[in-house]
Amino acid sequence: MVKLNIGDQAPEFTLKDYHGNNISLSSLKGKYTVLYFYPKDDTPGCTIEAKSFRDSYKEFVDMGVNVIGISVDSVTSHKNFCEKYALPFPILSDEGREVVNLYGVWGSKSLYGKVFEGTNRTTFIIDPEGKISKIWKKVNVKVHTQEVFDYLHSVIK
């Protein structure tokens, strides 16, 4: 499993959003980017997290920050999820699990005593030069957006 650290160059990728547009990390250079990986569309924790980013999206835009979500769900699943919750930022489909593996967020998980493979909820802040500025490996979806804002306010002058 890949282990990325603060200061590492963020791995380049290109994935499709639900409109069928290709979005690459390199196209986001020049701004801070919140890159959050989540397990599954339209599940309780993932919905709380997405709606929280949605509700604060204007503040991110006003700060000049990109917000991008990634899961291994299909483009069609993302379309339904984005439309249902009016998500204004791109949610990218990584059905081939290439990017979750590049970022080291795919691995063993357990729920109710059952062990399975899946996406571990993780957020990366990518700086304007494409380097990893911050990583959250344990995300509490109820307070995470505020944690991200607090961090960004400390680094964006």
N, C-alpha and C. Protein backbone atom coordinates (compact mmCIF):
# COMPACT_ATOMS: atom_id res chain seq x y z
N MET A 1 0.84 -1.19 0.00
CA MET A 1 0.00 0.00 0.00
C MET A 1 0.88 1.25 0.00
N VAL A 2 0.52 2.22 -0.81
CA VAL A 2 1.25 3.47 -0.93
C VAL A 2 1.07 4.27 0.36
N LYS A 3 2.13 4.90 0.79
CA LYS A 3 2.05 5.78 1.95
C LYS A 3 2.51 7.16 1.53
N LEU A 4 1.56 8.07 1.40
CA LEU A 4 1.88 9.45 1.04
C LEU A 4 2.06 10.27 2.31
N ASN A 5 2.94 11.26 2.23
CA ASN A 5 3.23 12.11 3.37
C ASN A 5 3.11 13.57 2.99
N ILE A 6 2.96 14.40 3.99
CA ILE A 6 2.95 15.84 3.78
C ILE A 6 4.27 16.22 3.12
N GLY A 7 4.18 17.05 2.09
CA GLY A 7 5.36 17.48 1.34
C GLY A 7 5.58 16.68 0.07
N ASP A 8 4.96 15.49 -0.02
CA ASP A 8 5.08 14.69 -1.25
C ASP A 8 4.31 15.35 -2.39
N GLN A 9 4.78 15.11 -3.60
CA GLN A 9 4.03 15.53 -4.77
C GLN A 9 2.77 14.66 -4.84
N ALA A 10 1.62 15.29 -4.99
CA ALA A 10 0.36 14.54 -5.08
C ALA A 10 0.35 13.78 -6.41
N PRO A 11 0.02 12.50 -6.38
CA PRO A 11 -0.02 11.72 -7.63
C PRO A 11 -1.03 12.29 -8.63
N GLU A 12 -0.59 12.40 -9.86
CA GLU A 12 -1.44 12.90 -10.95
C GLU A 12 -2.50 11.86 -11.28
N PHE A 13 -3.66 12.34 -11.67
CA PHE A 13 -4.74 11.46 -12.11
C PHE A 13 -5.66 12.23 -13.06
N THR A 14 -6.43 11.48 -13.81
CA THR A 14 -7.52 12.02 -14.62
C THR A 14 -8.70 11.07 -14.45
N LEU A 15 -9.83 11.62 -14.01
CA LEU A 15 -11.05 10.83 -13.82
C LEU A 15 -12.24 11.61 -14.38
N LYS A 16 -13.35 10.89 -14.60
CA LYS A 16 -14.56 11.52 -15.12
C LYS A 16 -15.50 11.96 -14.00
N ASP A 17 -16.12 13.13 -14.21
CA ASP A 17 -17.20 13.55 -13.33
C ASP A 17 -18.52 13.02 -13.92
N TYR A 18 -19.63 13.33 -13.27
CA TYR A 18 -20.89 12.73 -13.74
C TYR A 18 -21.39 13.34 -15.04
N HIS A 19 -20.79 14.43 -15.48
CA HIS A 19 -21.14 15.00 -16.78
C HIS A 19 -20.34 14.34 -17.90
N GLY A 20 -19.40 13.46 -17.53
CA GLY A 20 -18.55 12.82 -18.51
C GLY A 20 -17.28 13.61 -18.82
N ASN A 21 -17.06 14.71 -18.09
CA ASN A 21 -15.86 15.52 -18.28
C ASN A 21 -14.67 14.89 -17.57
N ASN A 22 -13.51 14.92 -18.24
CA ASN A 22 -12.28 14.48 -17.60
C ASN A 22 -11.74 15.62 -16.75
N ILE A 23 -11.40 15.30 -15.50
CA ILE A 23 -10.78 16.27 -14.60
C ILE A 23 -9.47 15.67 -14.13
N SER A 24 -8.40 16.42 -14.31
CA SER A 24 -7.09 15.96 -13.87
C SER A 24 -6.60 16.85 -12.73
N LEU A 25 -5.77 16.28 -11.89
CA LEU A 25 -5.21 17.06 -10.79
C LEU A 25 -4.39 18.23 -11.32
N SER A 26 -3.63 18.01 -12.39
CA SER A 26 -2.79 19.08 -12.93
C SER A 26 -3.62 20.28 -13.40
N SER A 27 -4.87 20.06 -13.79
CA SER A 27 -5.72 21.17 -14.23
C SER A 27 -6.15 22.05 -13.06
N LEU A 28 -5.92 21.59 -11.83
CA LEU A 28 -6.32 22.33 -10.64
C LEU A 28 -5.16 23.11 -10.01
N LYS A 29 -3.96 22.96 -10.58
CA LYS A 29 -2.78 23.65 -10.03
C LYS A 29 -3.01 25.15 -9.99
N GLY A 30 -2.35 25.77 -9.05
CA GLY A 30 -2.47 27.22 -8.89
C GLY A 30 -3.40 27.61 -7.77
N LYS A 31 -4.16 26.64 -7.27
CA LYS A 31 -5.08 26.86 -6.15
C LYS A 31 -4.92 25.72 -5.15
N TYR A 32 -5.32 25.96 -3.93
CA TYR A 32 -5.43 24.85 -2.98
C TYR A 32 -6.60 23.99 -3.42
N THR A 33 -6.47 22.68 -3.21
CA THR A 33 -7.53 21.74 -3.55
C THR A 33 -7.81 20.84 -2.36
N VAL A 34 -9.09 20.74 -2.00
CA VAL A 34 -9.55 19.76 -1.02
C VAL A 34 -9.91 18.52 -1.83
N LEU A 35 -9.17 17.44 -1.62
CA LEU A 35 -9.40 16.19 -2.33
C LEU A 35 -9.86 15.17 -1.29
N TYR A 36 -11.17 14.90 -1.29
CA TYR A 36 -11.67 13.98 -0.27
C TYR A 36 -12.16 12.68 -0.89
N PHE A 37 -11.69 11.60 -0.30
CA PHE A 37 -12.08 10.25 -0.71
C PHE A 37 -13.13 9.75 0.26
N TYR A 38 -14.18 9.15 -0.27
CA TYR A 38 -15.25 8.65 0.59
C TYR A 38 -15.70 7.28 0.09
N PRO A 39 -16.29 6.46 0.99
CA PRO A 39 -16.60 5.07 0.64
C PRO A 39 -17.72 4.87 -0.39
N LYS A 40 -18.89 5.55 -0.23
CA LYS A 40 -20.02 5.15 -1.08
C LYS A 40 -21.06 6.26 -1.15
N ASP A 41 -21.54 6.51 -2.37
CA ASP A 41 -22.60 7.49 -2.58
C ASP A 41 -23.84 7.14 -1.78
N ASP A 42 -24.49 8.20 -1.29
CA ASP A 42 -25.83 8.10 -0.68
C ASP A 42 -25.90 7.16 0.52
N THR A 43 -24.81 7.08 1.28
CA THR A 43 -24.81 6.37 2.55
C THR A 43 -24.75 7.44 3.65
N PRO A 44 -25.13 7.11 4.87
CA PRO A 44 -25.27 8.16 5.89
C PRO A 44 -24.04 9.06 6.10
N GLY A 45 -22.88 8.49 6.38
CA GLY A 45 -21.70 9.31 6.64
C GLY A 45 -21.24 10.08 5.42
N CYS A 46 -21.30 9.44 4.27
CA CYS A 46 -20.85 10.07 3.03
C CYS A 46 -21.79 11.22 2.63
N THR A 47 -23.07 11.05 2.90
CA THR A 47 -24.03 12.11 2.61
C THR A 47 -23.82 13.30 3.53
N ILE A 48 -23.59 13.04 4.81
CA ILE A 48 -23.31 14.13 5.76
C ILE A 48 -22.08 14.91 5.30
N GLU A 49 -21.03 14.19 4.93
CA GLU A 49 -19.79 14.85 4.51
C GLU A 49 -20.02 15.68 3.23
N ALA A 50 -20.66 15.10 2.23
CA ALA A 50 -20.90 15.81 0.97
C ALA A 50 -21.77 17.04 1.18
N LYS A 51 -22.84 16.91 1.98
CA LYS A 51 -23.72 18.05 2.23
C LYS A 51 -23.01 19.15 3.01
N SER A 52 -22.11 18.78 3.89
CA SER A 52 -21.34 19.78 4.63
C SER A 52 -20.43 20.57 3.69
N PHE A 53 -19.73 19.87 2.79
CA PHE A 53 -18.93 20.58 1.80
C PHE A 53 -19.82 21.42 0.89
N ARG A 54 -20.98 20.91 0.53
CA ARG A 54 -21.93 21.67 -0.30
C ARG A 54 -22.36 22.95 0.40
N ASP A 55 -22.74 22.83 1.67
CA ASP A 55 -23.25 23.98 2.41
C ASP A 55 -22.19 25.06 2.61
N SER A 56 -20.92 24.68 2.55
CA SER A 56 -19.81 25.63 2.73
C SER A 56 -19.10 25.95 1.41
N TYR A 57 -19.63 25.45 0.31
CA TYR A 57 -18.93 25.56 -0.97
C TYR A 57 -18.62 27.00 -1.36
N LYS A 58 -19.55 27.92 -1.16
CA LYS A 58 -19.32 29.32 -1.52
C LYS A 58 -18.12 29.88 -0.77
N GLU A 59 -17.98 29.50 0.48
CA GLU A 59 -16.83 29.97 1.27
C GLU A 59 -15.52 29.41 0.70
N PHE A 60 -15.54 28.16 0.25
CA PHE A 60 -14.34 27.60 -0.39
C PHE A 60 -14.01 28.37 -1.66
N VAL A 61 -15.02 28.62 -2.48
CA VAL A 61 -14.83 29.36 -3.73
C VAL A 61 -14.28 30.76 -3.42
N ASP A 62 -14.87 31.42 -2.42
CA ASP A 62 -14.41 32.76 -2.05
C ASP A 62 -12.96 32.76 -1.59
N MET A 63 -12.49 31.64 -1.04
CA MET A 63 -11.09 31.50 -0.62
C MET A 63 -10.19 31.10 -1.80
N GLY A 64 -10.79 30.77 -2.94
CA GLY A 64 -10.02 30.32 -4.10
C GLY A 64 -9.60 28.87 -3.98
N VAL A 65 -10.44 28.05 -3.35
CA VAL A 65 -10.11 26.64 -3.09
C VAL A 65 -11.03 25.73 -3.91
N ASN A 66 -10.43 24.72 -4.56
CA ASN A 66 -11.19 23.68 -5.26
C ASN A 66 -11.64 22.62 -4.26
N VAL A 67 -12.81 22.06 -4.48
CA VAL A 67 -13.28 20.91 -3.71
C VAL A 67 -13.59 19.80 -4.70
N ILE A 68 -13.02 18.61 -4.46
CA ILE A 68 -13.21 17.46 -5.34
C ILE A 68 -13.45 16.23 -4.46
N GLY A 69 -14.51 15.49 -4.74
CA GLY A 69 -14.76 14.22 -4.07
C GLY A 69 -14.44 13.07 -5.01
N ILE A 70 -13.98 11.95 -4.46
CA ILE A 70 -13.68 10.76 -5.26
C ILE A 70 -14.17 9.53 -4.53
N SER A 71 -14.87 8.67 -5.26
CA SER A 71 -15.21 7.34 -4.75
C SER A 71 -15.14 6.35 -5.91
N VAL A 72 -15.26 5.08 -5.59
CA VAL A 72 -15.20 4.05 -6.63
C VAL A 72 -16.57 3.77 -7.24
N ASP A 73 -17.57 4.57 -6.88
CA ASP A 73 -18.89 4.42 -7.48
C ASP A 73 -18.86 4.83 -8.95
N SER A 74 -19.87 4.40 -9.70
CA SER A 74 -19.95 4.68 -11.13
C SER A 74 -20.34 6.13 -11.39
N VAL A 75 -20.12 6.56 -12.63
CA VAL A 75 -20.53 7.90 -13.06
C VAL A 75 -22.05 8.05 -12.86
N THR A 76 -22.81 7.01 -13.17
CA THR A 76 -24.28 7.07 -13.01
C THR A 76 -24.66 7.23 -11.54
N SER A 77 -24.01 6.51 -10.66
CA SER A 77 -24.26 6.65 -9.23
C SER A 77 -23.95 8.07 -8.78
N HIS A 78 -22.82 8.62 -9.24
CA HIS A 78 -22.45 10.00 -8.89
C HIS A 78 -23.48 10.99 -9.40
N LYS A 79 -23.98 10.76 -10.61
CA LYS A 79 -25.00 11.66 -11.18
C LYS A 79 -26.21 11.70 -10.26
N ASN A 80 -26.69 10.55 -9.85
CA ASN A 80 -27.85 10.48 -8.96
C ASN A 80 -27.57 11.16 -7.62
N PHE A 81 -26.39 10.90 -7.06
CA PHE A 81 -25.98 11.47 -5.76
C PHE A 81 -25.88 12.99 -5.85
N CYS A 82 -25.20 13.48 -6.88
CA CYS A 82 -25.02 14.93 -7.05
C CYS A 82 -26.35 15.64 -7.28
N GLU A 83 -27.21 15.05 -8.08
CA GLU A 83 -28.50 15.67 -8.36
C GLU A 83 -29.41 15.63 -7.13
N LYS A 84 -29.41 14.52 -6.42
CA LYS A 84 -30.27 14.38 -5.24
C LYS A 84 -29.93 15.42 -4.17
N TYR A 85 -28.63 15.71 -4.00
CA TYR A 85 -28.20 16.62 -2.93
C TYR A 85 -27.67 17.95 -3.46
N ALA A 86 -27.87 18.24 -4.74
CA ALA A 86 -27.45 19.51 -5.36
C ALA A 86 -25.99 19.83 -5.03
N LEU A 87 -25.11 18.85 -5.27
CA LEU A 87 -23.69 19.05 -4.99
C LEU A 87 -23.08 19.90 -6.10
N PRO A 88 -22.48 21.05 -5.75
CA PRO A 88 -21.98 21.98 -6.77
C PRO A 88 -20.54 21.74 -7.21
N PHE A 89 -19.87 20.78 -6.61
CA PHE A 89 -18.47 20.51 -6.91
C PHE A 89 -18.35 19.14 -7.57
N PRO A 90 -17.26 18.91 -8.28
CA PRO A 90 -17.10 17.63 -8.98
C PRO A 90 -16.93 16.44 -8.03
N ILE A 91 -17.64 15.39 -8.33
CA ILE A 91 -17.46 14.08 -7.69
C ILE A 91 -16.95 13.18 -8.81
N LEU A 92 -15.79 12.59 -8.61
CA LEU A 92 -15.14 11.82 -9.67
C LEU A 92 -15.26 10.32 -9.43
N SER A 93 -15.40 9.60 -10.53
CA SER A 93 -15.58 8.14 -10.48
C SER A 93 -14.25 7.43 -10.70
N ASP A 94 -13.89 6.60 -9.73
CA ASP A 94 -12.66 5.80 -9.80
C ASP A 94 -13.02 4.31 -9.76
N GLU A 95 -13.88 3.90 -10.70
CA GLU A 95 -14.34 2.51 -10.73
C GLU A 95 -13.20 1.51 -10.85
N GLY A 96 -12.12 1.90 -11.55
CA GLY A 96 -10.98 1.01 -11.72
C GLY A 96 -10.05 0.97 -10.51
N ARG A 97 -10.36 1.77 -9.50
CA ARG A 97 -9.61 1.83 -8.24
C ARG A 97 -8.15 2.26 -8.42
N GLU A 98 -7.84 2.92 -9.51
CA GLU A 98 -6.47 3.36 -9.75
C GLU A 98 -6.07 4.47 -8.79
N VAL A 99 -6.93 5.46 -8.62
CA VAL A 99 -6.57 6.63 -7.81
C VAL A 99 -6.64 6.31 -6.31
N VAL A 100 -7.63 5.52 -5.89
CA VAL A 100 -7.66 5.15 -4.47
C VAL A 100 -6.40 4.35 -4.10
N ASN A 101 -5.89 3.58 -5.04
CA ASN A 101 -4.64 2.86 -4.79
C ASN A 101 -3.43 3.80 -4.84
N LEU A 102 -3.41 4.74 -5.79
CA LEU A 102 -2.32 5.72 -5.87
C LEU A 102 -2.18 6.51 -4.58
N TYR A 103 -3.32 6.84 -3.98
CA TYR A 103 -3.33 7.66 -2.77
C TYR A 103 -3.32 6.82 -1.49
N GLY A 104 -3.33 5.50 -1.64
CA GLY A 104 -3.22 4.62 -0.48
C GLY A 104 -4.43 4.61 0.43
N VAL A 105 -5.62 4.88 -0.14
CA VAL A 105 -6.82 4.94 0.69
C VAL A 105 -7.71 3.70 0.53
N TRP A 106 -7.32 2.77 -0.33
CA TRP A 106 -8.05 1.52 -0.50
C TRP A 106 -7.41 0.49 0.43
N GLY A 107 -8.22 -0.21 1.20
CA GLY A 107 -7.65 -1.22 2.08
C GLY A 107 -8.70 -1.91 2.92
N SER A 108 -8.23 -2.65 3.91
CA SER A 108 -9.12 -3.39 4.80
C SER A 108 -9.88 -2.45 5.72
N LYS A 109 -11.15 -2.78 5.89
CA LYS A 109 -12.03 -2.05 6.79
C LYS A 109 -12.82 -3.08 7.57
N SER A 110 -13.39 -2.67 8.67
CA SER A 110 -14.28 -3.58 9.39
C SER A 110 -15.53 -2.82 9.82
N LEU A 111 -16.63 -3.52 9.76
CA LEU A 111 -17.91 -2.97 10.16
C LEU A 111 -18.73 -4.10 10.79
N TYR A 112 -19.12 -3.88 12.01
CA TYR A 112 -19.90 -4.88 12.75
C TYR A 112 -19.20 -6.23 12.78
N GLY A 113 -17.88 -6.20 12.95
CA GLY A 113 -17.10 -7.42 13.05
C GLY A 113 -16.76 -8.10 11.73
N LYS A 114 -17.24 -7.52 10.63
CA LYS A 114 -16.98 -8.09 9.31
C LYS A 114 -15.85 -7.30 8.64
N VAL A 115 -14.83 -8.00 8.13
CA VAL A 115 -13.71 -7.35 7.46
C VAL A 115 -13.92 -7.40 5.95
N PHE A 116 -13.68 -6.28 5.29
CA PHE A 116 -13.85 -6.20 3.85
C PHE A 116 -12.91 -5.14 3.29
N GLU A 117 -12.78 -5.10 1.96
CA GLU A 117 -11.95 -4.10 1.29
C GLU A 117 -12.83 -2.92 0.89
N GLY A 118 -12.27 -1.73 1.03
CA GLY A 118 -13.03 -0.54 0.64
C GLY A 118 -12.18 0.72 0.75
N THR A 119 -12.82 1.85 0.47
CA THR A 119 -12.16 3.14 0.56
C THR A 119 -12.20 3.63 2.00
N ASN A 120 -11.03 3.95 2.52
CA ASN A 120 -10.95 4.56 3.85
C ASN A 120 -11.13 6.07 3.69
N ARG A 121 -12.11 6.61 4.41
CA ARG A 121 -12.43 8.03 4.31
C ARG A 121 -11.18 8.85 4.68
N THR A 122 -10.68 9.59 3.71
CA THR A 122 -9.44 10.34 3.87
C THR A 122 -9.53 11.64 3.07
N THR A 123 -8.96 12.71 3.62
CA THR A 123 -8.93 13.99 2.91
C THR A 123 -7.48 14.47 2.80
N PHE A 124 -7.15 14.95 1.60
CA PHE A 124 -5.85 15.55 1.33
C PHE A 124 -6.07 17.01 0.96
N ILE A 125 -5.21 17.88 1.46
CA ILE A 125 -5.14 19.25 0.95
C ILE A 125 -3.92 19.29 0.04
N ILE A 126 -4.15 19.69 -1.20
CA ILE A 126 -3.08 19.80 -2.19
C ILE A 126 -2.81 21.30 -2.37
N ASP A 127 -1.54 21.70 -2.24
CA ASP A 127 -1.21 23.12 -2.34
C ASP A 127 -1.17 23.56 -3.81
N PRO A 128 -1.03 24.87 -4.07
CA PRO A 128 -1.06 25.35 -5.46
C PRO A 128 0.04 24.78 -6.35
N GLU A 129 1.11 24.25 -5.77
CA GLU A 129 2.19 23.66 -6.56
C GLU A 129 1.99 22.15 -6.76
N GLY A 130 0.92 21.61 -6.20
CA GLY A 130 0.64 20.18 -6.39
C GLY A 130 1.24 19.29 -5.31
N LYS A 131 1.67 19.87 -4.20
CA LYS A 131 2.22 19.07 -3.10
C LYS A 131 1.17 18.87 -2.01
N ILE A 132 1.30 17.76 -1.32
CA ILE A 132 0.37 17.46 -0.23
C ILE A 132 0.72 18.34 0.96
N SER A 133 -0.26 19.11 1.39
CA SER A 133 -0.08 20.07 2.47
C SER A 133 -0.62 19.54 3.80
N LYS A 134 -1.66 18.71 3.73
CA LYS A 134 -2.30 18.18 4.94
C LYS A 134 -3.02 16.90 4.58
N ILE A 135 -3.07 15.96 5.55
CA ILE A 135 -3.80 14.70 5.36
C ILE A 135 -4.62 14.43 6.62
N TRP A 136 -5.89 14.10 6.43
CA TRP A 136 -6.73 13.59 7.51
C TRP A 136 -7.04 12.14 7.18
N LYS A 137 -6.57 11.23 8.02
CA LYS A 137 -6.84 9.80 7.81
C LYS A 137 -8.03 9.32 8.62
N LYS A 138 -8.33 10.00 9.67
CA LYS A 138 -9.51 9.69 10.50
C LYS A 138 -10.42 10.91 10.39
N VAL A 139 -11.52 10.76 9.69
CA VAL A 139 -12.42 11.87 9.44
C VAL A 139 -13.70 11.69 10.23
N ASN A 140 -14.02 12.69 11.04
CA ASN A 140 -15.32 12.75 11.71
C ASN A 140 -16.19 13.66 10.84
N VAL A 141 -17.14 13.08 10.11
CA VAL A 141 -17.90 13.83 9.11
C VAL A 141 -18.69 14.99 9.70
N LYS A 142 -18.99 14.95 10.98
CA LYS A 142 -19.78 16.02 11.60
C LYS A 142 -18.98 17.30 11.80
N VAL A 143 -17.66 17.20 11.91
CA VAL A 143 -16.84 18.39 12.17
C VAL A 143 -15.75 18.60 11.12
N HIS A 144 -15.68 17.73 10.14
CA HIS A 144 -14.56 17.74 9.21
C HIS A 144 -14.46 19.02 8.38
N THR A 145 -15.57 19.50 7.86
CA THR A 145 -15.51 20.71 7.03
C THR A 145 -14.92 21.87 7.83
N GLN A 146 -15.27 22.00 9.10
CA GLN A 146 -14.70 23.06 9.93
C GLN A 146 -13.21 22.85 10.12
N GLU A 147 -12.78 21.60 10.31
CA GLU A 147 -11.35 21.31 10.43
C GLU A 147 -10.61 21.74 9.17
N VAL A 148 -11.21 21.46 8.02
CA VAL A 148 -10.59 21.83 6.74
C VAL A 148 -10.50 23.35 6.64
N PHE A 149 -11.58 24.06 6.99
CA PHE A 149 -11.56 25.52 6.96
C PHE A 149 -10.49 26.08 7.90
N ASP A 150 -10.44 25.55 9.10
CA ASP A 150 -9.45 26.03 10.07
C ASP A 150 -8.05 25.89 9.51
N TYR A 151 -7.76 24.73 8.91
CA TYR A 151 -6.45 24.52 8.34
C TYR A 151 -6.18 25.49 7.18
N LEU A 152 -7.13 25.60 6.26
CA LEU A 152 -6.93 26.47 5.10
C LEU A 152 -6.74 27.93 5.52
N HIS A 153 -7.50 28.37 6.52
CA HIS A 153 -7.33 29.74 7.02
C HIS A 153 -5.94 29.95 7.59
N SER A 154 -5.32 28.90 8.10
CA SER A 154 -3.97 29.02 8.68
C SER A 154 -2.88 29.09 7.60
N VAL A 155 -3.16 28.60 6.39
CA VAL A 155 -2.13 28.57 5.35
C VAL A 155 -2.37 29.55 4.21
N ILE A 156 -3.60 30.00 4.03
CA ILE A 156 -3.91 30.96 2.97
C ILE A 156 -3.92 32.34 3.60
N LYS A 157 -3.07 33.17 3.13
CA LYS A 157 -2.96 34.53 3.69
C LYS A 157 -3.70 35.52 2.84
